[in-house]
Protein backbone atom coordinates (compact mmCIF):
# COMPACT_ATOMS: atom_id res chain seq x y z
CA MET A 1 27.58 -2.98 10.82
CA ARG A 2 26.34 -4.96 7.84
CA TYR A 3 22.96 -6.62 7.78
CA GLN A 4 22.69 -10.26 6.77
CA ASP A 5 19.40 -9.80 4.93
CA LYS A 6 19.19 -7.57 1.87
CA TRP A 7 15.70 -6.40 2.96
CA ALA A 8 16.93 -5.31 6.40
CA ASP A 9 19.22 -2.53 5.19
CA ARG A 10 17.18 0.60 4.52
CA ARG A 11 19.98 2.38 2.70
CA MET A 12 20.57 -0.15 -0.04
CA ALA A 13 19.62 0.68 -3.60
CA SER A 14 17.15 -2.20 -3.65
CA GLY A 15 15.56 -1.01 -0.40
CA GLY A 16 12.86 0.92 -2.28
CA LEU A 17 11.47 -2.24 -3.80
CA LYS A 18 9.98 -3.75 -0.63
CA PRO A 19 7.76 -0.75 0.26
CA PHE A 20 6.55 -0.64 -3.34
CA ILE A 21 5.64 -4.32 -3.21
CA PHE A 22 3.67 -3.75 0.00
CA LEU A 23 1.89 -0.77 -1.59
CA ILE A 24 0.92 -2.90 -4.60
CA MET A 25 -0.32 -5.66 -2.28
CA GLU A 26 -2.41 -3.16 -0.34
CA ILE A 27 -3.89 -1.71 -3.54
CA THR A 28 -4.66 -5.24 -4.74
CA ALA A 29 -6.43 -6.05 -1.47
CA LEU A 30 -8.53 -2.88 -1.72
CA VAL A 31 -9.50 -3.61 -5.33
CA MET A 32 -10.38 -7.20 -4.41
CA ALA A 33 -12.58 -5.96 -1.54
CA CYS A 34 -14.38 -3.58 -3.90
CA TRP A 35 -14.82 -6.36 -6.46
CA PHE A 36 -16.14 -8.78 -3.83
CA VAL A 37 -18.73 -6.27 -2.62
CA SER A 38 -19.75 -5.55 -6.20
CA LEU A 39 -20.67 -9.22 -6.62
CA PHE A 40 -23.66 -8.66 -4.30
CA GLY A 41 -25.18 -6.39 -6.92
CA VAL A 42 -26.12 -3.50 -4.64
CA LEU A 43 -24.84 -0.35 -6.34
CA PHE A 44 -25.16 1.92 -3.29
CA ILE A 45 -23.02 -0.34 -1.09
CA THR A 46 -20.49 -0.83 -3.88
CA VAL A 47 -20.10 2.93 -4.29
CA LEU A 48 -19.71 3.39 -0.52
CA VAL A 49 -17.07 0.67 -0.29
CA SER A 50 -15.22 2.09 -3.30
CA LEU A 51 -15.21 5.57 -1.77
CA GLY A 52 -14.03 4.09 1.52
CA ALA A 53 -11.21 2.26 -0.25
CA ILE A 54 -10.14 5.46 -2.02
CA TYR A 55 -10.25 7.34 1.30
CA PHE A 56 -8.20 4.62 3.01
CA PHE A 57 -5.64 4.69 0.21
CA MET A 58 -5.32 8.48 0.27
CA SER A 59 -5.25 8.84 4.06
CA SER A 60 -3.30 5.79 5.17
CA ALA A 61 -1.52 3.75 2.51
CA LEU A 62 -0.03 6.53 0.39
CA PRO A 63 1.25 8.68 3.31
CA ARG A 64 2.78 5.58 4.93
CA TYR A 65 4.54 4.70 1.67
CA ASN A 66 5.83 8.26 1.24
CA LYS A 67 7.08 8.31 4.84
CA VAL A 68 8.99 5.07 4.37
CA ILE A 69 10.53 6.23 1.08
CA LYS A 70 11.56 9.55 2.65
CA ARG A 71 13.11 7.73 5.62
CA GLN A 72 15.07 5.43 3.32
CA LYS A 73 16.24 8.29 1.13
CA TYR A 74 17.46 10.73 3.76
CA SER A 75 18.62 8.61 6.66
């Protein structure tokens, strides 16, 4: 069965592009959140938010990206 949308087929060669785009968007949102908090000028809160963003990236965004890439590669 063929999919009508090129993004719907996980096994296509271009299928790795969409998860990468979502990862870049998530990284951009985290950096923008850190930048926005840094505008307040409170260093302690900025450091906490930056550490939280790094923790979120390492514990949620990166494993989700790796899981999707693995699923596309081996299924």
